[in-house]
Amino acid sequence: PYTKLLMDRSKESYDHLRTGKYGGVGVQIGLRRDTLTVLSVFEN
């Protein structure tokens, strides 16, 4: 069950985990009461 074909977004997500980096602004987001909310902010 761990052997999968990764394409498009699933491949991007895997690459983020594999390399330990991603291009973004440094926030973890989630929905709180149907509102997009900042859950954590990465230092630096």
PDB file of all heavy atoms in Angstrom:
ATOM      1  N   PRO A   1       0.804  -1.236   0.000  1.00  0.00           N
ATOM      2  CA  PRO A   1       0.000   0.000   0.000  1.00  0.00           C
ATOM      3  C   PRO A   1       0.836   1.285   0.000  1.00  0.00           C
ATOM      4  O   PRO A   1       0.296   2.367  -0.156  1.00  0.00           O
ATOM      5  CB  PRO A   1      -0.831  -0.106   1.272  1.00  0.00           C
ATOM      6  CG  PRO A   1      -0.138  -1.104   2.125  1.00  0.00           C
ATOM      7  CD  PRO A   1       0.604  -2.016   1.209  1.00  0.00           C
ATOM      8  N   TYR A   2       2.147   1.177   0.164  1.00  0.00           N
ATOM      9  CA  TYR A   2       3.000   2.366   0.223  1.00  0.00           C
ATOM     10  C   TYR A   2       3.612   2.723  -1.124  1.00  0.00           C
ATOM     11  O   TYR A   2       4.244   3.757  -1.269  1.00  0.00           O
ATOM     12  CB  TYR A   2       4.107   2.154   1.266  1.00  0.00           C
ATOM     13  CG  TYR A   2       3.537   1.767   2.602  1.00  0.00           C
ATOM     14  CD1 TYR A   2       3.602   0.461   3.050  1.00  0.00           C
ATOM     15  CD2 TYR A   2       2.870   2.702   3.384  1.00  0.00           C
ATOM     16  CE1 TYR A   2       3.048   0.098   4.259  1.00  0.00           C
ATOM     17  CE2 TYR A   2       2.308   2.341   4.595  1.00  0.00           C
ATOM     18  CZ  TYR A   2       2.401   1.045   5.030  1.00  0.00           C
ATOM     19  OH  TYR A   2       1.843   0.689   6.211  1.00  0.00           O
ATOM     20  N   THR A   3       3.435   1.868  -2.119  1.00  0.00           N
ATOM     21  CA  THR A   3       3.957   2.141  -3.448  1.00  0.00           C
ATOM     22  C   THR A   3       2.850   2.810  -4.253  1.00  0.00           C
ATOM     23  O   THR A   3       1.830   2.211  -4.537  1.00  0.00           O
ATOM     24  CB  THR A   3       4.411   0.841  -4.141  1.00  0.00           C
ATOM     25  OG1 THR A   3       5.366   0.196  -3.297  1.00  0.00           O
ATOM     26  CG2 THR A   3       5.030   1.129  -5.488  1.00  0.00           C
ATOM     27  N   LYS A   4       3.062   4.078  -4.581  1.00  0.00           N
ATOM     28  CA  LYS A   4       2.047   4.862  -5.258  1.00  0.00           C
ATOM     29  C   LYS A   4       2.679   5.658  -6.390  1.00  0.00           C
ATOM     30  O   LYS A   4       3.860   5.973  -6.363  1.00  0.00           O
ATOM     31  CB  LYS A   4       1.387   5.839  -4.281  1.00  0.00           C
ATOM     32  CG  LYS A   4       0.752   5.208  -3.081  1.00  0.00           C
ATOM     33  CD  LYS A   4      -0.666   5.659  -2.965  1.00  0.00           C
ATOM     34  CE  LYS A   4      -1.294   5.083  -1.721  1.00  0.00           C
ATOM     35  NZ  LYS A   4      -2.212   4.057  -1.972  1.00  0.00           N
ATOM     36  N   LEU A   5       1.871   5.995  -7.373  1.00  0.00           N
ATOM     37  CA  LEU A   5       2.287   6.883  -8.445  1.00  0.00           C
ATOM     38  C   LEU A   5       1.979   8.307  -7.993  1.00  0.00           C
ATOM     39  O   LEU A   5       0.831   8.633  -7.682  1.00  0.00           O
ATOM     40  CB  LEU A   5       1.529   6.564  -9.740  1.00  0.00           C
ATOM     41  CG  LEU A   5       1.758   7.509 -10.911  1.00  0.00           C
ATOM     42  CD1 LEU A   5       3.212   7.436 -11.373  1.00  0.00           C
ATOM     43  CD2 LEU A   5       0.821   7.183 -12.054  1.00  0.00           C
ATOM     44  N   LEU A   6       3.015   9.138  -7.930  1.00  0.00           N
ATOM     45  CA  LEU A   6       2.834  10.520  -7.502  1.00  0.00           C
ATOM     46  C   LEU A   6       2.890  11.443  -8.711  1.00  0.00           C
ATOM     47  O   LEU A   6       3.841  11.397  -9.491  1.00  0.00           O
ATOM     48  CB  LEU A   6       3.923  10.918  -6.503  1.00  0.00           C
ATOM     49  CG  LEU A   6       3.960  10.129  -5.203  1.00  0.00           C
ATOM     50  CD1 LEU A   6       5.126  10.589  -4.345  1.00  0.00           C
ATOM     51  CD2 LEU A   6       2.655  10.272  -4.443  1.00  0.00           C
ATOM     52  N   MET A   7       1.850  12.268  -8.835  1.00  0.00           N
ATOM     53  CA  MET A   7       1.784  13.219  -9.940  1.00  0.00           C
ATOM     54  C   MET A   7       1.256  14.546  -9.425  1.00  0.00           C
ATOM     55  O   MET A   7       0.544  14.600  -8.427  1.00  0.00           O
ATOM     56  CB  MET A   7       0.838  12.706 -11.030  1.00  0.00           C
ATOM     57  CG  MET A   7       1.326  11.446 -11.702  1.00  0.00           C
ATOM     58  SD  MET A   7       0.150  10.817 -12.895  1.00  0.00           S
ATOM     59  CE  MET A   7      -0.064  12.222 -13.971  1.00  0.00           C
ATOM     60  N   ASP A   8       1.586  15.599 -10.106  1.00  0.00           N
ATOM     61  CA  ASP A   8       1.070  16.936  -9.840  1.00  0.00           C
ATOM     62  C   ASP A   8       1.180  17.299  -8.370  1.00  0.00           C
ATOM     63  O   ASP A   8       2.250  17.311  -7.809  1.00  0.00           O
ATOM     64  CB  ASP A   8      -0.371  17.069 -10.361  1.00  0.00           C
ATOM     65  CG  ASP A   8      -0.465  16.770 -11.852  1.00  0.00           C
ATOM     66  OD1 ASP A   8       0.491  17.103 -12.572  1.00  0.00           O
ATOM     67  OD2 ASP A   8      -1.471  16.188 -12.282  1.00  0.00           O
ATOM     68  N   ARG A   9       0.047  17.603  -7.718  1.00  0.00           N
ATOM     69  CA  ARG A   9       0.075  18.082  -6.334  1.00  0.00           C
ATOM     70  C   ARG A   9       0.590  17.046  -5.345  1.00  0.00           C
ATOM     71  O   ARG A   9       1.243  17.384  -4.377  1.00  0.00           O
ATOM     72  CB  ARG A   9      -1.312  18.551  -5.903  1.00  0.00           C
ATOM     73  CG  ARG A   9      -1.670  19.855  -6.570  1.00  0.00           C
ATOM     74  CD  ARG A   9      -2.864  20.452  -5.942  1.00  0.00           C
ATOM     75  NE  ARG A   9      -3.199  21.644  -6.684  1.00  0.00           N
ATOM     76  CZ  ARG A   9      -3.891  22.626  -6.194  1.00  0.00           C
ATOM     77  NH1 ARG A   9      -4.360  22.552  -4.987  1.00  0.00           N
ATOM     78  NH2 ARG A   9      -4.135  23.686  -6.915  1.00  0.00           N
ATOM     79  N   SER A  10       0.266  15.779  -5.552  1.00  0.00           N
ATOM     80  CA  SER A  10       0.753  14.762  -4.620  1.00  0.00           C
ATOM     81  C   SER A  10       2.281  14.667  -4.707  1.00  0.00           C
ATOM     82  O   SER A  10       2.954  14.460  -3.712  1.00  0.00           O
ATOM     83  CB  SER A  10       0.098  13.405  -4.869  1.00  0.00           C
ATOM     84  OG  SER A  10       0.334  12.952  -6.175  1.00  0.00           O
ATOM     85  N   LYS A  11       2.840  14.868  -5.922  1.00  0.00           N
ATOM     86  CA  LYS A  11       4.295  14.851  -6.069  1.00  0.00           C
ATOM     87  C   LYS A  11       4.895  16.086  -5.398  1.00  0.00           C
ATOM     88  O   LYS A  11       5.915  16.009  -4.730  1.00  0.00           O
ATOM     89  CB  LYS A  11       4.698  14.799  -7.532  1.00  0.00           C
ATOM     90  CG  LYS A  11       6.213  14.694  -7.703  1.00  0.00           C
ATOM     91  CD  LYS A  11       6.620  14.717  -9.153  1.00  0.00           C
ATOM     92  CE  LYS A  11       8.110  14.652  -9.349  1.00  0.00           C
ATOM     93  NZ  LYS A  11       8.889  15.599  -8.584  1.00  0.00           N
ATOM     94  N   GLU A  12       4.246  17.246  -5.547  1.00  0.00           N
ATOM     95  CA  GLU A  12       4.734  18.464  -4.898  1.00  0.00           C
ATOM     96  C   GLU A  12       4.757  18.292  -3.387  1.00  0.00           C
ATOM     97  O   GLU A  12       5.723  18.659  -2.733  1.00  0.00           O
ATOM     98  CB  GLU A  12       3.837  19.663  -5.255  1.00  0.00           C
ATOM     99  CG  GLU A  12       4.063  20.216  -6.635  1.00  0.00           C
ATOM    100  CD  GLU A  12       3.096  21.346  -6.948  1.00  0.00           C
ATOM    101  OE1 GLU A  12       2.655  22.034  -6.000  1.00  0.00           O
ATOM    102  OE2 GLU A  12       2.774  21.533  -8.127  1.00  0.00           O
ATOM    103  N   SER A  13       3.688  17.726  -2.825  1.00  0.00           N
ATOM    104  CA  SER A  13       3.627  17.505  -1.380  1.00  0.00           C
ATOM    105  C   SER A  13       4.750  16.577  -0.932  1.00  0.00           C
ATOM    106  O   SER A  13       5.394  16.805   0.087  1.00  0.00           O
ATOM    107  CB  SER A  13       2.286  16.900  -0.977  1.00  0.00           C
ATOM    108  OG  SER A  13       1.255  17.805  -1.248  1.00  0.00           O
ATOM    109  N   TYR A  14       4.995  15.519  -1.698  1.00  0.00           N
ATOM    110  CA  TYR A  14       6.071  14.595  -1.373  1.00  0.00           C
ATOM    111  C   TYR A  14       7.417  15.307  -1.448  1.00  0.00           C
ATOM    112  O   TYR A  14       8.270  15.128  -0.575  1.00  0.00           O
ATOM    113  CB  TYR A  14       6.045  13.396  -2.324  1.00  0.00           C
ATOM    114  CG  TYR A  14       7.252  12.509  -2.176  1.00  0.00           C
ATOM    115  CD1 TYR A  14       7.377  11.674  -1.070  1.00  0.00           C
ATOM    116  CD2 TYR A  14       8.276  12.528  -3.117  1.00  0.00           C
ATOM    117  CE1 TYR A  14       8.495  10.868  -0.917  1.00  0.00           C
ATOM    118  CE2 TYR A  14       9.388  11.726  -2.971  1.00  0.00           C
ATOM    119  CZ  TYR A  14       9.500  10.897  -1.873  1.00  0.00           C
ATOM    120  OH  TYR A  14      10.599  10.114  -1.719  1.00  0.00           O
ATOM    121  N   ASP A  15       7.628  16.107  -2.473  1.00  0.00           N
ATOM    122  CA  ASP A  15       8.895  16.832  -2.607  1.00  0.00           C
ATOM    123  C   ASP A  15       9.124  17.768  -1.434  1.00  0.00           C
ATOM    124  O   ASP A  15      10.249  17.914  -0.964  1.00  0.00           O
ATOM    125  CB  ASP A  15       8.939  17.610  -3.927  1.00  0.00           C
ATOM    126  CG  ASP A  15       9.135  16.704  -5.127  1.00  0.00           C
ATOM    127  OD1 ASP A  15       9.580  15.553  -4.934  1.00  0.00           O
ATOM    128  OD2 ASP A  15       8.828  17.143  -6.254  1.00  0.00           O
ATOM    129  N   HIS A  16       8.062  18.390  -0.944  1.00  0.00           N
ATOM    130  CA  HIS A  16       8.199  19.278   0.219  1.00  0.00           C
ATOM    131  C   HIS A  16       8.684  18.492   1.423  1.00  0.00           C
ATOM    132  O   HIS A  16       9.564  18.932   2.164  1.00  0.00           O
ATOM    133  CB  HIS A  16       6.876  19.952   0.551  1.00  0.00           C
ATOM    134  CG  HIS A  16       6.407  20.899  -0.498  1.00  0.00           C
ATOM    135  ND1 HIS A  16       5.100  21.291  -0.605  1.00  0.00           N
ATOM    136  CD2 HIS A  16       7.052  21.526  -1.506  1.00  0.00           C
ATOM    137  CE1 HIS A  16       4.968  22.119  -1.627  1.00  0.00           C
ATOM    138  NE2 HIS A  16       6.134  22.271  -2.184  1.00  0.00           N
ATOM    139  N   LEU A  17       8.108  17.320   1.648  1.00  0.00           N
ATOM    140  CA  LEU A  17       8.539  16.479   2.764  1.00  0.00           C
ATOM    141  C   LEU A  17       9.957  15.962   2.557  1.00  0.00           C
ATOM    142  O   LEU A  17      10.768  15.953   3.472  1.00  0.00           O
ATOM    143  CB  LEU A  17       7.590  15.283   2.927  1.00  0.00           C
ATOM    144  CG  LEU A  17       6.255  15.558   3.577  1.00  0.00           C
ATOM    145  CD1 LEU A  17       5.396  14.307   3.521  1.00  0.00           C
ATOM    146  CD2 LEU A  17       6.426  16.030   5.002  1.00  0.00           C
ATOM    147  N   ARG A  18      10.250  15.516   1.340  1.00  0.00           N
ATOM    148  CA  ARG A  18      11.540  14.911   1.045  1.00  0.00           C
ATOM    149  C   ARG A  18      12.677  15.914   1.180  1.00  0.00           C
ATOM    150  O   ARG A  18      13.728  15.617   1.726  1.00  0.00           O
ATOM    151  CB  ARG A  18      11.513  14.325  -0.365  1.00  0.00           C
ATOM    152  CG  ARG A  18      12.763  13.572  -0.755  1.00  0.00           C
ATOM    153  CD  ARG A  18      12.647  12.989  -2.155  1.00  0.00           C
ATOM    154  NE  ARG A  18      12.314  13.960  -3.171  1.00  0.00           N
ATOM    155  CZ  ARG A  18      13.182  14.808  -3.720  1.00  0.00           C
ATOM    156  NH1 ARG A  18      14.430  14.819  -3.344  1.00  0.00           N
ATOM    157  NH2 ARG A  18      12.795  15.667  -4.645  1.00  0.00           N
ATOM    158  N   THR A  19      12.494  17.108   0.668  1.00  0.00           N
ATOM    159  CA  THR A  19      13.566  18.087   0.676  1.00  0.00           C
ATOM    160  C   THR A  19      13.592  18.914   1.947  1.00  0.00           C
ATOM    161  O   THR A  19      14.597  19.532   2.262  1.00  0.00           O
ATOM    162  CB  THR A  19      13.435  19.058  -0.517  1.00  0.00           C
ATOM    163  OG1 THR A  19      12.191  19.757  -0.415  1.00  0.00           O
ATOM    164  CG2 THR A  19      13.515  18.321  -1.837  1.00  0.00           C
ATOM    165  N   GLY A  20      12.491  18.945   2.691  1.00  0.00           N
ATOM    166  CA  GLY A  20      12.457  19.748   3.911  1.00  0.00           C
ATOM    167  C   GLY A  20      12.268  21.223   3.637  1.00  0.00           C
ATOM    168  O   GLY A  20      12.479  22.050   4.506  1.00  0.00           O
ATOM    169  N   LYS A  21      11.897  21.612   2.424  1.00  0.00           N
ATOM    170  CA  LYS A  21      11.719  23.025   2.070  1.00  0.00           C
ATOM    171  C   LYS A  21      10.490  23.182   1.181  1.00  0.00           C
ATOM    172  O   LYS A  21      10.085  22.250   0.514  1.00  0.00           O
ATOM    173  CB  LYS A  21      12.920  23.542   1.283  1.00  0.00           C
ATOM    174  CG  LYS A  21      14.185  23.617   2.055  1.00  0.00           C
ATOM    175  CD  LYS A  21      15.277  24.142   1.170  1.00  0.00           C
ATOM    176  CE  LYS A  21      16.568  24.251   1.948  1.00  0.00           C
ATOM    177  NZ  LYS A  21      17.666  24.709   1.125  1.00  0.00           N
ATOM    178  N   TYR A  22       9.922  24.371   1.195  1.00  0.00           N
ATOM    179  CA  TYR A  22       8.883  24.700   0.225  1.00  0.00           C
ATOM    180  C   TYR A  22       8.891  26.198   0.003  1.00  0.00           C
ATOM    181  O   TYR A  22       9.411  26.944   0.823  1.00  0.00           O
ATOM    182  CB  TYR A  22       7.508  24.214   0.685  1.00  0.00           C
ATOM    183  CG  TYR A  22       6.893  25.010   1.811  1.00  0.00           C
ATOM    184  CD1 TYR A  22       6.049  26.086   1.549  1.00  0.00           C
ATOM    185  CD2 TYR A  22       7.154  24.714   3.133  1.00  0.00           C
ATOM    186  CE1 TYR A  22       5.489  26.818   2.566  1.00  0.00           C
ATOM    187  CE2 TYR A  22       6.600  25.441   4.155  1.00  0.00           C
ATOM    188  CZ  TYR A  22       5.763  26.496   3.871  1.00  0.00           C
ATOM    189  OH  TYR A  22       5.210  27.237   4.879  1.00  0.00           O
ATOM    190  N   GLY A  23       8.349  26.637  -1.129  1.00  0.00           N
ATOM    191  CA  GLY A  23       8.283  28.061  -1.415  1.00  0.00           C
ATOM    192  C   GLY A  23       6.986  28.625  -0.870  1.00  0.00           C
ATOM    193  O   GLY A  23       5.925  28.287  -1.360  1.00  0.00           O
ATOM    194  N   GLY A  24       7.072  29.430   0.144  1.00  0.00           N
ATOM    195  CA  GLY A  24       5.870  29.996   0.744  1.00  0.00           C
ATOM    196  C   GLY A  24       6.220  31.183   1.612  1.00  0.00           C
ATOM    197  O   GLY A  24       7.267  31.796   1.462  1.00  0.00           O
ATOM    198  N   VAL A  25       5.316  31.487   2.548  1.00  0.00           N
ATOM    199  CA  VAL A  25       5.515  32.656   3.406  1.00  0.00           C
ATOM    200  C   VAL A  25       5.764  32.287   4.862  1.00  0.00           C
ATOM    201  O   VAL A  25       6.065  33.146   5.677  1.00  0.00           O
ATOM    202  CB  VAL A  25       4.329  33.640   3.292  1.00  0.00           C
ATOM    203  CG1 VAL A  25       4.213  34.169   1.869  1.00  0.00           C
ATOM    204  CG2 VAL A  25       3.034  33.015   3.757  1.00  0.00           C
ATOM    205  N   GLY A  26       5.623  30.992   5.212  1.00  0.00           N
ATOM    206  CA  GLY A  26       5.958  30.573   6.567  1.00  0.00           C
ATOM    207  C   GLY A  26       4.803  30.524   7.538  1.00  0.00           C
ATOM    208  O   GLY A  26       4.986  30.811   8.720  1.00  0.00           O
ATOM    209  N   VAL A  27       3.612  30.176   7.045  1.00  0.00           N
ATOM    210  CA  VAL A  27       2.473  30.018   7.945  1.00  0.00           C
ATOM    211  C   VAL A  27       1.848  28.648   7.749  1.00  0.00           C
ATOM    212  O   VAL A  27       1.865  28.103   6.645  1.00  0.00           O
ATOM    213  CB  VAL A  27       1.368  31.092   7.738  1.00  0.00           C
ATOM    214  CG1 VAL A  27       1.850  32.470   8.137  1.00  0.00           C
ATOM    215  CG2 VAL A  27       0.848  31.095   6.314  1.00  0.00           C
ATOM    216  N   GLN A  28       1.337  28.098   8.834  1.00  0.00           N
ATOM    217  CA  GLN A  28       0.495  26.909   8.742  1.00  0.00           C
ATOM    218  C   GLN A  28      -0.925  27.417   8.913  1.00  0.00           C
ATOM    219  O   GLN A  28      -1.212  28.178   9.850  1.00  0.00           O
ATOM    220  CB  GLN A  28       0.842  25.905   9.832  1.00  0.00           C
ATOM    221  CG  GLN A  28      -0.007  24.659   9.762  1.00  0.00           C
ATOM    222  CD  GLN A  28       0.294  23.696  10.909  1.00  0.00           C
ATOM    223  OE1 GLN A  28       1.001  24.029  11.853  1.00  0.00           O
ATOM    224  NE2 GLN A  28      -0.265  22.519  10.826  1.00  0.00           N
ATOM    225  N   ILE A  29      -1.822  27.017   8.005  1.00  0.00           N
ATOM    226  CA  ILE A  29      -3.184  27.536   8.035  1.00  0.00           C
ATOM    227  C   ILE A  29      -4.177  26.405   8.243  1.00  0.00           C
ATOM    228  O   ILE A  29      -3.882  25.238   8.004  1.00  0.00           O
ATOM    229  CB  ILE A  29      -3.527  28.297   6.731  1.00  0.00           C
ATOM    230  CG1 ILE A  29      -3.298  27.398   5.499  1.00  0.00           C
ATOM    231  CG2 ILE A  29      -2.748  29.594   6.635  1.00  0.00           C
ATOM    232  CD1 ILE A  29      -3.742  28.017   4.182  1.00  0.00           C
ATOM    233  N   GLY A  30      -5.350  26.776   8.706  1.00  0.00           N
ATOM    234  CA  GLY A  30      -6.433  25.820   8.885  1.00  0.00           C
ATOM    235  C   GLY A  30      -7.752  26.559   8.930  1.00  0.00           C
ATOM    236  O   GLY A  30      -7.781  27.794   8.979  1.00  0.00           O
ATOM    237  N   LEU A  31      -8.833  25.810   8.898  1.00  0.00           N
ATOM    238  CA  LEU A  31     -10.162  26.422   8.976  1.00  0.00           C
ATOM    239  C   LEU A  31     -10.649  26.359  10.415  1.00  0.00           C
ATOM    240  O   LEU A  31     -10.699  25.289  11.006  1.00  0.00           O
ATOM    241  CB  LEU A  31     -11.144  25.721   8.044  1.00  0.00           C
ATOM    242  CG  LEU A  31     -10.905  25.933   6.547  1.00  0.00           C
ATOM    243  CD1 LEU A  31     -11.847  25.064   5.730  1.00  0.00           C
ATOM    244  CD2 LEU A  31     -11.064  27.392   6.169  1.00  0.00           C
ATOM    245  N   ARG A  32     -10.996  27.488  10.973  1.00  0.00           N
ATOM    246  CA  ARG A  32     -11.592  27.585  12.300  1.00  0.00           C
ATOM    247  C   ARG A  32     -12.927  28.294  12.148  1.00  0.00           C
ATOM    248  O   ARG A  32     -12.971  29.444  11.739  1.00  0.00           O
ATOM    249  CB  ARG A  32     -10.692  28.364  13.279  1.00  0.00           C
ATOM    250  CG  ARG A  32      -9.355  27.701  13.552  1.00  0.00           C
ATOM    251  CD  ARG A  32      -9.543  26.408  14.346  1.00  0.00           C
ATOM    252  NE  ARG A  32      -8.320  25.686  14.533  1.00  0.00           N
ATOM    253  CZ  ARG A  32      -7.981  24.598  13.858  1.00  0.00           C
ATOM    254  NH1 ARG A  32      -8.758  24.115  12.925  1.00  0.00           N
ATOM    255  NH2 ARG A  32      -6.851  23.974  14.094  1.00  0.00           N
ATOM    256  N   ARG A  33     -13.997  27.556  12.450  1.00  0.00           N
ATOM    257  CA  ARG A  33     -15.358  28.090  12.257  1.00  0.00           C
ATOM    258  C   ARG A  33     -15.531  28.621  10.834  1.00  0.00           C
ATOM    259  O   ARG A  33     -15.994  29.739  10.618  1.00  0.00           O
ATOM    260  CB  ARG A  33     -15.671  29.180  13.277  1.00  0.00           C
ATOM    261  CG  ARG A  33     -15.676  28.696  14.693  1.00  0.00           C
ATOM    262  CD  ARG A  33     -16.205  29.776  15.632  1.00  0.00           C
ATOM    263  NE  ARG A  33     -16.058  29.354  17.002  1.00  0.00           N
ATOM    264  CZ  ARG A  33     -15.316  29.973  17.906  1.00  0.00           C
ATOM    265  NH1 ARG A  33     -14.663  31.074  17.576  1.00  0.00           N
ATOM    266  NH2 ARG A  33     -15.228  29.510  19.135  1.00  0.00           N
ATOM    267  N   ASP A  34     -15.088  27.833   9.858  1.00  0.00           N
ATOM    268  CA  ASP A  34     -15.195  28.162   8.429  1.00  0.00           C
ATOM    269  C   ASP A  34     -14.408  29.402   8.020  1.00  0.00           C
ATOM    270  O   ASP A  34     -14.669  29.978   6.961  1.00  0.00           O
ATOM    271  CB  ASP A  34     -16.663  28.309   8.006  1.00  0.00           C
ATOM    272  CG  ASP A  34     -17.441  27.014   8.176  1.00  0.00           C
ATOM    273  OD1 ASP A  34     -16.815  25.942   8.032  1.00  0.00           O
ATOM    274  OD2 ASP A  34     -18.651  27.072   8.445  1.00  0.00           O
ATOM    275  N   THR A  35     -13.445  29.831   8.840  1.00  0.00           N
ATOM    276  CA  THR A  35     -12.624  30.991   8.512  1.00  0.00           C
ATOM    277  C   THR A  35     -11.174  30.553   8.411  1.00  0.00           C
ATOM    278  O   THR A  35     -10.663  29.862   9.297  1.00  0.00           O
ATOM    279  CB  THR A  35     -12.760  32.088   9.601  1.00  0.00           C
ATOM    280  OG1 THR A  35     -14.140  32.453   9.705  1.00  0.00           O
ATOM    281  CG2 THR A  35     -11.957  33.318   9.244  1.00  0.00           C
ATOM    282  N   LEU A  36     -10.498  30.962   7.342  1.00  0.00           N
ATOM    283  CA  LEU A  36      -9.090  30.630   7.159  1.00  0.00           C
ATOM    284  C   LEU A  36      -8.278  31.335   8.233  1.00  0.00           C
ATOM    285  O   LEU A  36      -8.308  32.563   8.342  1.00  0.00           O
ATOM    286  CB  LEU A  36      -8.625  31.047   5.760  1.00  0.00           C
ATOM    287  CG  LEU A  36      -7.246  30.568   5.349  1.00  0.00           C
ATOM    288  CD1 LEU A  36      -7.202  29.034   5.278  1.00  0.00           C
ATOM    289  CD2 LEU A  36      -6.861  31.165   4.017  1.00  0.00           C
ATOM    290  N   THR A  37      -7.568  30.554   9.033  1.00  0.00           N
ATOM    291  CA  THR A  37      -6.886  31.082  10.210  1.00  0.00           C
ATOM    292  C   THR A  37      -5.430  30.632  10.232  1.00  0.00           C
ATOM    293  O   THR A  37      -5.114  29.508   9.854  1.00  0.00           O
ATOM    294  CB  THR A  37      -7.598  30.592  11.488  1.00  0.00           C
ATOM    295  OG1 THR A  37      -8.974  30.952  11.410  1.00  0.00           O
ATOM    296  CG2 THR A  37      -7.003  31.207  12.739  1.00  0.00           C
ATOM    297  N   VAL A  38      -4.560  31.512  10.723  1.00  0.00           N
ATOM    298  CA  VAL A  38      -3.150  31.181  10.893  1.00  0.00           C
ATOM    299  C   VAL A  38      -3.019  30.341  12.162  1.00  0.00           C
ATOM    300  O   VAL A  38      -3.352  30.790  13.251  1.00  0.00           O
ATOM    301  CB  VAL A  38      -2.283  32.458  10.996  1.00  0.00           C
ATOM    302  CG1 VAL A  38      -0.829  32.105  11.277  1.00  0.00           C
ATOM    303  CG2 VAL A  38      -2.396  33.292   9.725  1.00  0.00           C
ATOM    304  N   LEU A  39      -2.539  29.094  12.000  1.00  0.00           N
ATOM    305  CA  LEU A  39      -2.371  28.189  13.145  1.00  0.00           C
ATOM    306  C   LEU A  39      -0.980  28.286  13.748  1.00  0.00           C
ATOM    307  O   LEU A  39      -0.817  28.105  14.954  1.00  0.00           O
ATOM    308  CB  LEU A  39      -2.645  26.744  12.718  1.00  0.00           C
ATOM    309  CG  LEU A  39      -4.017  26.465  12.110  1.00  0.00           C
ATOM    310  CD1 LEU A  39      -4.129  25.000  11.725  1.00  0.00           C
ATOM    311  CD2 LEU A  39      -5.123  26.859  13.077  1.00  0.00           C
ATOM    312  N   SER A  40       0.019  28.534  12.915  1.00  0.00           N
ATOM    313  CA  SER A  40       1.376  28.747  13.426  1.00  0.00           C
ATOM    314  C   SER A  40       2.163  29.565  12.416  1.00  0.00           C
ATOM    315  O   SER A  40       1.836  29.603  11.230  1.00  0.00           O
ATOM    316  CB  SER A  40       2.075  27.420  13.725  1.00  0.00           C
ATOM    317  OG  SER A  40       2.281  26.685  12.549  1.00  0.00           O
ATOM    318  N   VAL A  41       3.185  30.235  12.931  1.00  0.00           N
ATOM    319  CA  VAL A  41       4.069  31.054  12.100  1.00  0.00           C
ATOM    320  C   VAL A  41       5.480  30.544  12.331  1.00  0.00           C
ATOM    321  O   VAL A  41       5.926  30.425  13.478  1.00  0.00           O
ATOM    322  CB  VAL A  41       3.969  32.551  12.483  1.00  0.00           C
ATOM    323  CG1 VAL A  41       4.881  33.394  11.615  1.00  0.00           C
ATOM    324  CG2 VAL A  41       2.535  33.045  12.382  1.00  0.00           C
ATOM    325  N   PHE A  42       6.187  30.215  11.251  1.00  0.00           N
ATOM    326  CA  PHE A  42       7.548  29.694  11.373  1.00  0.00           C
ATOM    327  C   PHE A  42       8.525  30.837  11.593  1.00  0.00           C
ATOM    328  O   PHE A  42       8.462  31.862  10.910  1.00  0.00           O
ATOM    329  CB  PHE A  42       7.951  28.906  10.121  1.00  0.00           C
ATOM    330  CG  PHE A  42       7.015  27.771   9.806  1.00  0.00           C
ATOM    331  CD1 PHE A  42       6.444  27.662   8.554  1.00  0.00           C
ATOM    332  CD2 PHE A  42       6.694  26.817  10.760  1.00  0.00           C
ATOM    333  CE1 PHE A  42       5.584  26.618   8.256  1.00  0.00           C
ATOM    334  CE2 PHE A  42       5.837  25.769  10.476  1.00  0.00           C
ATOM    335  CZ  PHE A  42       5.275  25.670   9.221  1.00  0.00           C
ATOM    336  N   GLU A  43       9.426  30.643  12.553  1.00  0.00           N
ATOM    337  CA  GLU A  43      10.438  31.657  12.825  1.00  0.00           C
ATOM    338  C   GLU A  43      11.292  31.905  11.596  1.00  0.00           C
ATOM    339  O   GLU A  43      11.508  31.023  10.784  1.00  0.00           O
ATOM    340  CB  GLU A  43      11.333  31.214  13.985  1.00  0.00           C
ATOM    341  CG  GLU A  43      10.654  31.331  15.330  1.00  0.00           C
ATOM    342  CD  GLU A  43      11.607  31.049  16.469  1.00  0.00           C
ATOM    343  OE1 GLU A  43      12.803  31.400  16.348  1.00  0.00           O
ATOM    344  OE2 GLU A  43      11.153  30.473  17.461  1.00  0.00           O
ATOM    345  N   ASN A  44      11.770  33.133  11.493  1.00  0.00           N
ATOM    346  CA  ASN A  44      12.641  33.550  10.386  1.00  0.00           C
ATOM    347  C   ASN A  44      12.004  33.365   9.022  1.00  0.00           C
ATOM    348  O   ASN A  44      12.682  33.103   8.038  1.00  0.00           O
ATOM    349  CB  ASN A  44      13.982  32.806  10.444  1.00  0.00           C
ATOM    350  CG  ASN A  44      14.696  33.042  11.752  1.00  0.00           C
ATOM    351  OD1 ASN A  44      14.699  34.157  12.268  1.00  0.00           O
ATOM    352  ND2 ASN A  44      15.277  31.997  12.316  1.00  0.00           N
TER     353      ASN A  44
END
